[in-house]
Amino acid sequence: MITFQVQDMTCGHCVATLTRAVTAADPGATVTVDLAAHRIAIAPVRADVPVLARAIEEAGYTPVVLPG
């Protein structure tokens, strides 16, 4: 599981946009979003942290990978 803090994720539209961006980068990934905590957790199939971070950035958000 890879978890990112995304402080600029503030609404349901953001959640949908990020989910689409992540699944476009890794179609088999499982995405879990905690909007209140501004976190997105990803169980990737083949993408790694840099690929997923880039997908989030290209969607217009600022990801910070969390340890763990």
N, C-alpha and C. Protein backbone atom coordinates (compact mmCIF):
# COMPACT_ATOMS: atom_id res chain seq x y z
N MET A 1 0.85 -1.18 0.00
CA MET A 1 0.00 0.00 0.00
C MET A 1 0.89 1.24 0.00
N ILE A 2 0.56 2.16 -0.88
CA ILE A 2 1.27 3.44 -0.97
C ILE A 2 0.27 4.52 -0.58
N THR A 3 0.66 5.38 0.36
CA THR A 3 -0.24 6.42 0.83
C THR A 3 0.36 7.79 0.59
N PHE A 4 -0.47 8.67 0.06
CA PHE A 4 -0.07 10.05 -0.18
C PHE A 4 -0.95 10.98 0.62
N GLN A 5 -0.34 12.04 1.16
CA GLN A 5 -1.08 13.16 1.73
C GLN A 5 -1.30 14.13 0.57
N VAL A 6 -2.54 14.54 0.35
CA VAL A 6 -2.86 15.46 -0.74
C VAL A 6 -3.72 16.58 -0.14
N GLN A 7 -3.05 17.58 0.42
CA GLN A 7 -3.74 18.65 1.14
C GLN A 7 -4.70 19.43 0.25
N ASP A 8 -4.41 19.51 -1.05
CA ASP A 8 -5.27 20.30 -1.93
C ASP A 8 -6.44 19.48 -2.50
N MET A 9 -6.68 18.30 -1.96
CA MET A 9 -7.86 17.49 -2.30
C MET A 9 -8.94 17.90 -1.30
N THR A 10 -9.99 18.59 -1.79
CA THR A 10 -10.94 19.19 -0.86
C THR A 10 -12.40 18.80 -1.08
N CYS A 11 -12.71 18.07 -2.16
CA CYS A 11 -14.12 17.80 -2.44
C CYS A 11 -14.29 16.49 -3.20
N GLY A 12 -15.52 16.13 -3.44
CA GLY A 12 -15.82 14.91 -4.17
C GLY A 12 -15.29 14.93 -5.59
N HIS A 13 -15.29 16.09 -6.21
CA HIS A 13 -14.75 16.21 -7.56
C HIS A 13 -13.25 15.89 -7.55
N CYS A 14 -12.55 16.36 -6.54
CA CYS A 14 -11.12 16.06 -6.39
C CYS A 14 -10.90 14.55 -6.27
N VAL A 15 -11.74 13.91 -5.45
CA VAL A 15 -11.63 12.47 -5.25
C VAL A 15 -11.80 11.74 -6.58
N ALA A 16 -12.81 12.11 -7.35
CA ALA A 16 -13.06 11.47 -8.64
C ALA A 16 -11.90 11.71 -9.61
N THR A 17 -11.39 12.92 -9.63
CA THR A 17 -10.27 13.26 -10.52
C THR A 17 -9.03 12.45 -10.16
N LEU A 18 -8.72 12.37 -8.87
CA LEU A 18 -7.55 11.62 -8.44
C LEU A 18 -7.71 10.12 -8.69
N THR A 19 -8.88 9.61 -8.45
CA THR A 19 -9.12 8.19 -8.70
C THR A 19 -8.93 7.86 -10.17
N ARG A 20 -9.47 8.71 -11.05
CA ARG A 20 -9.29 8.51 -12.50
C ARG A 20 -7.81 8.59 -12.88
N ALA A 21 -7.09 9.55 -12.33
CA ALA A 21 -5.67 9.73 -12.66
C ALA A 21 -4.86 8.51 -12.24
N VAL A 22 -5.11 8.01 -11.04
CA VAL A 22 -4.36 6.86 -10.54
C VAL A 22 -4.69 5.61 -11.35
N THR A 23 -5.97 5.38 -11.63
CA THR A 23 -6.33 4.17 -12.37
C THR A 23 -5.91 4.26 -13.84
N ALA A 24 -5.72 5.46 -14.35
CA ALA A 24 -5.17 5.59 -15.71
C ALA A 24 -3.69 5.21 -15.71
N ALA A 25 -2.98 5.54 -14.65
CA ALA A 25 -1.56 5.21 -14.54
C ALA A 25 -1.34 3.74 -14.23
N ASP A 26 -2.28 3.15 -13.49
CA ASP A 26 -2.19 1.73 -13.10
C ASP A 26 -3.61 1.16 -13.07
N PRO A 27 -4.08 0.67 -14.23
CA PRO A 27 -5.48 0.25 -14.37
C PRO A 27 -5.97 -0.78 -13.34
N GLY A 28 -5.11 -1.59 -12.79
CA GLY A 28 -5.55 -2.58 -11.83
C GLY A 28 -5.47 -2.14 -10.38
N ALA A 29 -5.04 -0.91 -10.14
CA ALA A 29 -4.83 -0.43 -8.78
C ALA A 29 -6.15 -0.28 -8.02
N THR A 30 -6.08 -0.49 -6.73
CA THR A 30 -7.20 -0.23 -5.84
C THR A 30 -6.92 1.08 -5.13
N VAL A 31 -7.89 1.99 -5.18
CA VAL A 31 -7.72 3.33 -4.62
C VAL A 31 -8.71 3.53 -3.48
N THR A 32 -8.20 3.96 -2.33
CA THR A 32 -9.04 4.28 -1.18
C THR A 32 -8.73 5.71 -0.77
N VAL A 33 -9.78 6.52 -0.66
CA VAL A 33 -9.59 7.94 -0.36
C VAL A 33 -10.24 8.28 0.98
N ASP A 34 -9.51 9.02 1.80
CA ASP A 34 -10.04 9.59 3.04
C ASP A 34 -10.02 11.10 2.85
N LEU A 35 -11.14 11.64 2.40
CA LEU A 35 -11.20 13.07 2.09
C LEU A 35 -10.95 13.93 3.32
N ALA A 36 -11.51 13.55 4.46
CA ALA A 36 -11.35 14.35 5.68
C ALA A 36 -9.88 14.44 6.11
N ALA A 37 -9.13 13.37 5.89
CA ALA A 37 -7.71 13.36 6.26
C ALA A 37 -6.80 13.79 5.10
N HIS A 38 -7.40 14.03 3.94
CA HIS A 38 -6.65 14.42 2.73
C HIS A 38 -5.62 13.35 2.35
N ARG A 39 -6.04 12.09 2.41
CA ARG A 39 -5.13 10.99 2.09
C ARG A 39 -5.71 10.10 1.01
N ILE A 40 -4.83 9.61 0.19
CA ILE A 40 -5.20 8.64 -0.84
C ILE A 40 -4.25 7.44 -0.69
N ALA A 41 -4.84 6.27 -0.51
CA ALA A 41 -4.06 5.04 -0.36
C ALA A 41 -4.26 4.21 -1.62
N ILE A 42 -3.17 3.69 -2.14
CA ILE A 42 -3.20 2.97 -3.41
C ILE A 42 -2.53 1.61 -3.23
N ALA A 43 -3.24 0.57 -3.66
CA ALA A 43 -2.65 -0.76 -3.73
C ALA A 43 -2.35 -0.98 -5.21
N PRO A 44 -1.11 -0.71 -5.62
CA PRO A 44 -0.77 -0.77 -7.04
C PRO A 44 -0.63 -2.20 -7.54
N VAL A 45 -0.82 -2.34 -8.84
CA VAL A 45 -0.56 -3.62 -9.50
C VAL A 45 0.83 -3.59 -10.10
N ARG A 46 1.16 -2.50 -10.80
CA ARG A 46 2.49 -2.44 -11.42
C ARG A 46 3.19 -1.09 -11.32
N ALA A 47 2.46 -0.04 -10.94
CA ALA A 47 3.07 1.29 -10.84
C ALA A 47 3.80 1.43 -9.51
N ASP A 48 4.83 2.29 -9.51
CA ASP A 48 5.58 2.55 -8.28
C ASP A 48 5.30 3.98 -7.82
N VAL A 49 5.94 4.38 -6.73
CA VAL A 49 5.69 5.69 -6.13
C VAL A 49 5.91 6.83 -7.13
N PRO A 50 7.02 6.89 -7.86
CA PRO A 50 7.21 8.01 -8.79
C PRO A 50 6.12 8.10 -9.87
N VAL A 51 5.70 6.96 -10.39
CA VAL A 51 4.66 6.96 -11.43
C VAL A 51 3.34 7.47 -10.86
N LEU A 52 2.98 6.99 -9.68
CA LEU A 52 1.73 7.41 -9.07
C LEU A 52 1.77 8.88 -8.66
N ALA A 53 2.89 9.32 -8.11
CA ALA A 53 3.04 10.73 -7.73
C ALA A 53 2.92 11.62 -8.96
N ARG A 54 3.53 11.22 -10.05
CA ARG A 54 3.46 12.00 -11.29
C ARG A 54 2.02 12.08 -11.80
N ALA A 55 1.28 10.98 -11.72
CA ALA A 55 -0.13 10.97 -12.15
C ALA A 55 -0.95 11.94 -11.32
N ILE A 56 -0.70 11.98 -10.01
CA ILE A 56 -1.42 12.89 -9.12
C ILE A 56 -1.04 14.34 -9.44
N GLU A 57 0.24 14.59 -9.67
CA GLU A 57 0.71 15.94 -10.02
C GLU A 57 0.11 16.40 -11.34
N GLU A 58 0.08 15.51 -12.33
CA GLU A 58 -0.46 15.87 -13.64
C GLU A 58 -1.96 16.15 -13.57
N ALA A 59 -2.63 15.60 -12.55
CA ALA A 59 -4.05 15.89 -12.35
C ALA A 59 -4.25 17.24 -11.66
N GLY A 60 -3.14 17.88 -11.24
CA GLY A 60 -3.22 19.21 -10.65
C GLY A 60 -3.13 19.26 -9.14
N TYR A 61 -2.64 18.19 -8.53
CA TYR A 61 -2.57 18.11 -7.07
C TYR A 61 -1.13 17.95 -6.60
N THR A 62 -0.92 18.12 -5.29
CA THR A 62 0.41 18.07 -4.70
C THR A 62 0.51 16.88 -3.76
N PRO A 63 1.05 15.76 -4.24
CA PRO A 63 1.17 14.58 -3.38
C PRO A 63 2.42 14.59 -2.52
N VAL A 64 2.28 14.10 -1.30
CA VAL A 64 3.42 13.90 -0.41
C VAL A 64 3.32 12.45 0.06
N VAL A 65 4.32 11.64 -0.31
CA VAL A 65 4.27 10.23 0.07
C VAL A 65 4.49 10.10 1.58
N LEU A 66 3.67 9.26 2.19
CA LEU A 66 3.78 9.03 3.63
C LEU A 66 4.53 7.73 3.88
N PRO A 67 5.33 7.68 4.93
CA PRO A 67 6.06 6.45 5.22
C PRO A 67 5.09 5.34 5.64
N GLY A 68 5.53 4.14 5.36
CA GLY A 68 4.71 3.04 5.85
C GLY A 68 4.50 2.01 4.85
